[in-house]
Amino acid sequence: MNRRRALGATVVAVLVAVAGAGCTEGQPPGATNLVDPGSPAPQPNPTPILPPAPLSGKPVAETVASRQAVVVPVRVTARTTPVGLAEADLVYQEFAESESLHLTAVYQSQDAARVGPVAEIRPVDIRTVGVLHPFIGYTGGPTGFLDQLAAAGLPGATPARRKAAFPSGQASTAALRQAAPTGGVAPTPVFDHADSGTPLASQGVTPASRLTVAAPGHPTQTWTYDAASSTWRGKIGKTTVSTASVVVLTTEYRTLNVRKPSPRSLPGAKVYGSGTAVVVSGPSSVSATWRKPGQRLVCNVIDPGGYQVRLQPGTAWVIYAPETARVNVA
């Protein structure tokens, strides 16, 4: 009996244990039921982080951020209706002869189907945009100015050489971009741009809603802050333009004597050097200083604390104001 009975008892014990495991008795405290989770739910792709455009500070596609800038000089009088300025990342303004303005419009993050009226090349264009490595669309110019352009190594095209880039006598930035030699590089950033909530300057910031620039021999230029669009608005010729920031650089003006193809004299802003500045961006203003040592160096605009001013992303309008001009912020 002994061995057989012992073996039988063992088998019965095993069967009882197995049967007990299949019963629906309550689980001990702390135990959990395991459930097959199935396939994991797809996770949404994170929003891609777009790089900032080098000149406007606004987010753009990588292919746009890395492309070359295009520059078009524009001549404006009180009777002119300029076009294409809204798409510019930067516009530099020189007070020219006969109450006119000479604008240097720079396009990188956006293209403009029409820009004009296109003007001749002038020293202010060459000395301002040399640091940007652009392709320039212009109408020609005095012999001496063309020599300066060639010496600066800045490529460009005129209607006489690239008619397709100037439809209806006005420049197309996309067509100029196609006419540019291969290998063009993105421009060097010329301003710091503010993140959300970042002040215009480290110190000396004051509220601002109106800026006036009165240059002798020219109508007073008035810029007004529009809170609804967070832009500054001014009248250029017969066109109202909107810009994120206006930067006024006070500088010396000299008389440029042109001999070829026809003798004439015209004013020219001294772009290199240093001086005082007034900056408005968003609902704020600050008095600053500027310094640009040479053609291929950036013009730094420094706040009273010794730091770069930080503009709101968007178009910046830079005015070369003569030392005799009156600049007021309200």
Protein backbone atom coordinates (compact mmCIF):
# COMPACT_ATOMS: atom_id res chain seq x y z
CA MET A 1 0.00 0.00 0.00
CA ASN A 2 2.64 2.24 1.10
CA ARG A 3 4.28 3.30 -2.12
CA ARG A 4 1.15 3.07 -4.23
CA ARG A 5 -0.97 4.94 -1.71
CA ALA A 6 1.66 7.65 -1.38
CA LEU A 7 1.85 8.10 -5.16
CA GLY A 8 -1.93 8.24 -5.43
CA ALA A 9 -2.10 10.83 -2.74
CA THR A 10 0.46 12.91 -4.60
CA VAL A 11 -1.53 12.78 -7.86
CA VAL A 12 -4.70 13.78 -6.09
CA ALA A 13 -2.93 16.72 -4.49
CA VAL A 14 -1.68 17.95 -7.87
CA LEU A 15 -5.13 17.67 -9.45
CA VAL A 16 -6.68 19.56 -6.57
CA ALA A 17 -4.09 22.33 -6.98
CA VAL A 18 -4.75 22.59 -10.72
CA ALA A 19 -8.49 22.64 -10.25
CA GLY A 20 -8.17 25.30 -7.59
CA ALA A 21 -6.18 27.50 -9.95
CA GLY A 22 -9.10 27.56 -12.38
CA CYS A 23 -11.64 28.71 -9.80
CA THR A 24 -12.96 32.29 -9.87
CA GLU A 25 -11.95 33.12 -6.37
CA GLY A 26 -11.03 36.67 -5.38
CA GLN A 27 -7.45 37.79 -5.98
CA PRO A 28 -5.21 38.66 -3.07
CA PRO A 29 -4.98 42.34 -2.12
CA GLY A 30 -2.81 44.39 -4.49
CA ALA A 31 -3.13 42.00 -7.45
CA THR A 32 -4.23 43.30 -10.85
CA ASN A 33 -5.68 41.74 -13.96
CA LEU A 34 -3.33 41.88 -16.94
CA VAL A 35 -5.00 43.20 -20.11
CA ASP A 36 -3.42 43.08 -23.57
CA PRO A 37 -2.95 46.75 -24.46
CA GLY A 38 -2.90 46.03 -28.19
CA SER A 39 -1.03 48.31 -30.56
CA PRO A 40 0.11 51.64 -29.03
CA ALA A 41 -1.88 54.70 -30.08
CA PRO A 42 0.00 56.75 -32.70
CA GLN A 43 1.65 59.83 -31.25
CA PRO A 44 1.15 63.13 -33.12
CA ASN A 45 4.27 64.48 -34.81
CA PRO A 46 5.66 67.51 -32.98
CA THR A 47 5.24 70.83 -34.77
CA PRO A 48 8.38 71.37 -36.85
CA ILE A 49 10.56 74.20 -35.64
CA LEU A 50 11.12 76.57 -38.56
CA PRO A 51 14.31 78.62 -38.70
CA PRO A 52 14.03 82.42 -38.52
CA ALA A 53 14.63 84.39 -41.70
CA PRO A 54 18.03 86.09 -41.29
CA LEU A 55 16.73 89.60 -42.00
CA SER A 56 13.13 89.63 -40.74
CA GLY A 57 13.38 87.18 -37.84
CA LYS A 58 10.12 85.52 -38.87
CA PRO A 59 9.95 81.70 -39.19
CA VAL A 60 10.37 80.45 -42.76
CA ALA A 61 11.14 77.20 -44.56
CA GLU A 62 14.75 76.03 -44.48
CA THR A 63 15.09 76.56 -48.23
CA VAL A 64 13.98 80.17 -47.85
CA ALA A 65 16.18 80.89 -44.84
CA SER A 66 19.28 79.80 -46.76
CA ARG A 67 18.70 81.64 -50.04
CA GLN A 68 20.39 84.78 -51.32
CA ALA A 69 18.95 88.26 -50.84
CA VAL A 70 17.84 90.43 -53.74
CA VAL A 71 18.20 94.23 -53.63
CA VAL A 72 16.33 96.84 -55.68
CA PRO A 73 16.98 100.61 -55.39
CA VAL A 74 13.77 102.65 -55.70
CA ARG A 75 13.31 106.38 -56.38
CA VAL A 76 10.32 108.07 -54.72
CA THR A 77 8.90 111.59 -54.96
CA ALA A 78 5.73 113.06 -53.48
CA ARG A 79 3.92 112.14 -56.72
CA THR A 80 5.26 108.57 -56.93
CA THR A 81 3.24 105.48 -56.07
CA PRO A 82 5.95 102.91 -55.23
CA VAL A 83 5.09 99.21 -55.34
CA GLY A 84 6.57 96.08 -53.79
CA LEU A 85 7.77 97.64 -50.53
CA ALA A 86 5.43 95.55 -48.36
CA GLU A 87 7.35 92.36 -49.17
CA ALA A 88 10.79 93.76 -48.27
CA ASP A 89 12.62 92.54 -45.16
CA LEU A 90 14.67 95.74 -44.95
CA VAL A 91 14.29 99.17 -46.51
CA TYR A 92 17.06 101.76 -46.20
CA GLN A 93 16.09 105.37 -46.88
CA GLU A 94 18.36 108.19 -48.03
CA PHE A 95 17.15 111.78 -48.43
CA ALA A 96 18.02 112.52 -52.05
CA GLU A 97 17.88 115.62 -54.26
CA SER A 98 14.74 117.54 -55.30
CA GLU A 99 12.75 116.42 -52.24
CA SER A 100 13.01 112.81 -53.39
CA LEU A 101 13.92 109.65 -51.46
CA HIS A 102 16.35 106.97 -52.56
CA LEU A 103 15.29 103.60 -51.11
CA THR A 104 17.34 100.42 -50.94
CA ALA A 105 14.79 97.58 -50.68
CA VAL A 106 16.11 94.17 -49.59
CA TYR A 107 14.15 90.95 -50.24
CA GLN A 108 15.00 87.58 -48.77
CA SER A 109 12.09 85.92 -46.93
CA GLN A 110 9.47 87.00 -49.49
CA ASP A 111 9.33 87.80 -53.19
CA ALA A 112 7.56 90.74 -54.82
CA ALA A 113 6.07 90.37 -58.28
CA ARG A 114 6.69 94.07 -58.98
CA VAL A 115 9.10 96.52 -57.36
CA GLY A 116 9.50 100.07 -58.56
CA PRO A 117 10.08 102.56 -59.85
CA VAL A 118 13.56 101.02 -60.13
CA ALA A 119 16.39 103.53 -59.70
CA GLU A 120 20.07 103.85 -60.55
CA ILE A 121 22.74 102.44 -58.29
CA ARG A 122 24.19 104.85 -55.73
CA PRO A 123 27.03 104.66 -53.21
CA VAL A 124 24.52 104.31 -50.35
CA ASP A 125 23.30 101.03 -51.88
CA ILE A 126 26.78 99.59 -52.29
CA ARG A 127 27.99 100.59 -48.82
CA THR A 128 24.82 99.50 -47.06
CA VAL A 129 24.24 96.04 -48.55
CA GLY A 130 27.81 94.82 -49.10
CA VAL A 131 27.52 92.76 -45.90
CA LEU A 132 24.40 91.01 -47.27
CA HIS A 133 26.04 89.46 -50.39
CA PRO A 134 22.97 90.21 -52.53
CA PHE A 135 22.08 90.22 -56.21
CA ILE A 136 21.04 93.73 -57.28
CA GLY A 137 18.50 94.86 -59.86
CA TYR A 138 19.05 98.50 -60.93
CA THR A 139 18.74 100.77 -63.97
CA GLY A 140 22.39 101.73 -64.41
CA GLY A 141 24.08 104.80 -62.98
CA PRO A 142 26.92 107.30 -63.33
CA THR A 143 30.26 105.87 -64.41
CA GLY A 144 31.88 106.44 -61.03
CA PHE A 145 29.06 104.65 -59.19
CA LEU A 146 29.24 101.68 -61.55
CA ASP A 147 32.98 101.50 -60.92
CA GLN A 148 32.31 101.36 -57.17
CA LEU A 149 29.79 98.56 -57.70
CA ALA A 150 32.29 96.55 -59.72
CA ALA A 151 35.02 97.11 -57.12
CA ALA A 152 32.69 95.88 -54.37
CA GLY A 153 32.19 92.61 -56.24
CA LEU A 154 28.39 92.81 -56.01
CA PRO A 155 26.62 91.05 -58.91
CA GLY A 156 23.55 92.56 -60.51
CA ALA A 157 21.47 93.11 -63.60
CA THR A 158 19.88 96.02 -65.46
CA PRO A 159 16.89 96.06 -67.83
CA ALA A 160 19.32 96.46 -70.74
CA ARG A 161 21.06 93.18 -69.82
CA ARG A 162 18.18 91.15 -68.32
CA LYS A 163 14.92 92.48 -69.70
CA ALA A 164 12.94 89.45 -68.44
CA ALA A 165 13.79 90.38 -64.84
CA PHE A 166 12.06 93.77 -65.26
CA PRO A 167 8.56 93.10 -66.59
CA SER A 168 6.73 96.33 -67.49
CA GLY A 169 9.79 98.30 -66.42
CA GLN A 170 9.55 97.15 -62.81
CA ALA A 171 11.69 94.54 -61.08
CA SER A 172 10.51 91.04 -60.24
CA THR A 173 12.49 89.68 -57.30
CA ALA A 174 11.82 86.06 -58.33
CA ALA A 175 13.09 86.79 -61.85
CA LEU A 176 16.15 88.56 -60.46
CA ARG A 177 16.82 85.55 -58.25
CA GLN A 178 16.75 83.31 -61.32
CA ALA A 179 19.18 85.65 -63.10
CA ALA A 180 21.68 85.53 -60.24
CA PRO A 181 24.79 83.36 -60.61
CA THR A 182 24.70 80.03 -58.80
CA GLY A 183 26.37 79.78 -55.43
CA GLY A 184 24.72 82.78 -53.79
CA VAL A 185 24.72 82.71 -49.98
CA ALA A 186 22.23 83.80 -47.35
CA PRO A 187 22.69 87.30 -45.94
CA THR A 188 24.29 88.05 -42.61
CA PRO A 189 21.67 89.05 -39.99
CA VAL A 190 21.91 92.77 -39.30
CA PHE A 191 19.54 93.05 -36.31
CA ASP A 192 18.71 91.02 -33.23
CA HIS A 193 15.02 90.15 -32.98
CA ALA A 194 12.98 89.92 -29.80
CA ASP A 195 11.24 86.82 -28.52
CA SER A 196 7.74 87.20 -27.14
CA GLY A 197 7.85 89.43 -24.09
CA THR A 198 11.44 90.57 -24.66
CA PRO A 199 11.87 94.35 -24.32
CA LEU A 200 13.31 96.52 -27.09
CA ALA A 201 16.35 97.39 -24.98
CA SER A 202 17.96 96.54 -21.66
CA GLN A 203 17.28 100.06 -20.35
CA GLY A 204 15.94 103.43 -21.48
CA VAL A 205 12.75 102.06 -23.08
CA THR A 206 9.80 104.47 -23.22
CA PRO A 207 6.28 104.14 -24.68
CA ALA A 208 5.88 105.50 -28.20
CA SER A 209 3.03 106.05 -30.64
CA ARG A 210 4.37 108.68 -33.06
CA LEU A 211 7.72 109.37 -34.74
CA THR A 212 8.56 112.37 -36.92
CA VAL A 213 11.67 113.00 -39.01
CA ALA A 214 12.02 116.51 -40.45
CA ALA A 215 14.96 116.84 -42.86
CA PRO A 216 15.68 120.26 -44.44
CA GLY A 217 14.34 120.50 -47.99
CA HIS A 218 11.95 117.58 -47.50
CA PRO A 219 8.40 117.20 -46.19
CA THR A 220 8.23 116.03 -42.58
CA GLN A 221 7.91 112.26 -42.43
CA THR A 222 5.44 110.96 -39.84
CA TRP A 223 5.19 107.38 -38.57
CA THR A 224 2.27 106.32 -36.36
CA TYR A 225 1.95 103.13 -34.32
CA ASP A 226 -1.10 101.01 -35.13
CA ALA A 227 -1.86 98.82 -32.11
CA ALA A 228 -4.31 96.60 -34.01
CA SER A 229 -1.61 95.39 -36.43
CA SER A 230 1.39 96.05 -34.13
CA THR A 231 3.06 98.00 -36.94
CA TRP A 232 4.32 101.50 -37.67
CA ARG A 233 2.67 103.22 -40.62
CA GLY A 234 4.05 106.03 -42.75
CA LYS A 235 3.49 107.66 -46.12
CA ILE A 236 6.15 107.08 -48.77
CA GLY A 237 5.20 108.99 -51.88
CA LYS A 238 1.52 108.18 -52.38
CA THR A 239 1.78 104.76 -50.73
CA THR A 240 1.14 103.99 -47.06
CA VAL A 241 3.64 101.43 -45.81
CA SER A 242 3.59 99.31 -42.65
CA THR A 243 6.71 98.14 -40.87
CA ALA A 244 7.49 96.39 -37.59
CA SER A 245 10.27 98.84 -36.71
CA VAL A 246 11.73 102.19 -37.74
CA VAL A 247 15.42 102.81 -37.05
CA VAL A 248 16.68 106.38 -37.50
CA LEU A 249 20.47 106.69 -37.85
CA THR A 250 21.76 110.26 -37.69
CA THR A 251 24.71 110.65 -40.03
CA GLU A 252 26.70 113.15 -42.05
CA TYR A 253 25.64 113.94 -45.61
CA ARG A 254 28.13 114.93 -48.29
CA THR A 255 27.76 116.39 -51.77
CA LEU A 256 28.59 113.90 -54.52
CA ASN A 257 29.74 115.49 -57.77
CA VAL A 258 28.95 113.36 -60.82
CA ARG A 259 30.65 114.05 -64.17
CA LYS A 260 29.60 111.16 -66.44
CA PRO A 261 27.37 110.68 -68.28
CA SER A 262 26.13 114.18 -67.32
CA PRO A 263 27.45 116.61 -64.69
CA ARG A 264 25.32 117.00 -61.57
CA SER A 265 25.55 117.16 -57.80
CA LEU A 266 23.56 115.09 -55.34
CA PRO A 267 23.54 114.44 -51.59
CA GLY A 268 24.92 111.21 -50.19
CA ALA A 269 24.64 109.73 -46.70
CA LYS A 270 27.89 108.72 -45.00
CA VAL A 271 27.14 105.10 -44.14
CA TYR A 272 30.40 104.29 -42.35
CA GLY A 273 31.25 105.67 -38.94
CA SER A 274 29.11 106.13 -35.84
CA GLY A 275 26.41 108.37 -34.45
CA THR A 276 23.17 108.61 -32.51
CA ALA A 277 20.05 106.61 -33.26
CA VAL A 278 16.37 106.49 -32.37
CA VAL A 279 14.52 103.19 -32.62
CA VAL A 280 10.78 102.47 -32.44
CA SER A 281 9.51 98.90 -32.49
CA GLY A 282 6.20 97.70 -31.16
CA PRO A 283 4.77 100.33 -28.80
CA SER A 284 8.25 101.23 -27.53
CA SER A 285 11.14 103.57 -28.26
CA VAL A 286 14.76 103.88 -27.20
CA SER A 287 17.59 106.31 -27.86
CA ALA A 288 20.68 104.43 -29.00
CA THR A 289 23.97 104.70 -30.87
CA TRP A 290 25.13 103.10 -34.10
CA ARG A 291 28.49 102.01 -35.49
CA LYS A 292 29.47 100.59 -38.88
CA PRO A 293 33.24 100.41 -39.46
CA GLY A 294 33.17 99.28 -43.10
CA GLN A 295 31.31 97.90 -46.08
CA ARG A 296 31.39 94.22 -45.13
CA LEU A 297 30.67 94.83 -41.44
CA VAL A 298 27.26 95.00 -39.81
CA CYS A 299 25.87 98.29 -38.52
CA ASN A 300 25.45 97.64 -34.79
CA VAL A 301 22.71 99.60 -33.00
CA ILE A 302 23.48 99.66 -29.27
CA ASP A 303 21.13 100.53 -26.41
CA PRO A 304 22.15 102.62 -23.34
CA GLY A 305 23.12 99.44 -21.48
CA GLY A 306 25.62 98.44 -24.15
CA TYR A 307 23.49 95.69 -25.72
CA GLN A 308 22.06 95.30 -29.21
CA VAL A 309 18.52 96.60 -29.58
CA ARG A 310 16.02 93.79 -30.19
CA LEU A 311 13.48 94.58 -32.88
CA GLN A 312 10.09 92.95 -33.29
CA PRO A 313 10.22 90.35 -36.11
CA GLY A 314 9.14 91.78 -39.45
CA THR A 315 10.17 94.54 -41.81
CA ALA A 316 12.63 97.14 -40.53
CA TRP A 317 12.74 100.62 -42.12
CA VAL A 318 16.15 102.25 -41.63
CA ILE A 319 16.39 106.01 -42.20
CA TYR A 320 19.69 107.80 -42.78
CA ALA A 321 18.82 111.17 -41.24
CA PRO A 322 21.11 114.15 -41.84
CA GLU A 323 22.63 115.79 -38.79
CA THR A 324 20.41 118.83 -39.42
CA ALA A 325 17.20 116.76 -39.20
CA ARG A 326 14.83 116.97 -36.24
CA VAL A 327 13.80 113.55 -34.90
CA ASN A 328 11.01 113.44 -32.32
CA VAL A 329 9.15 110.60 -30.58
CA ALA A 330 5.84 111.06 -28.80
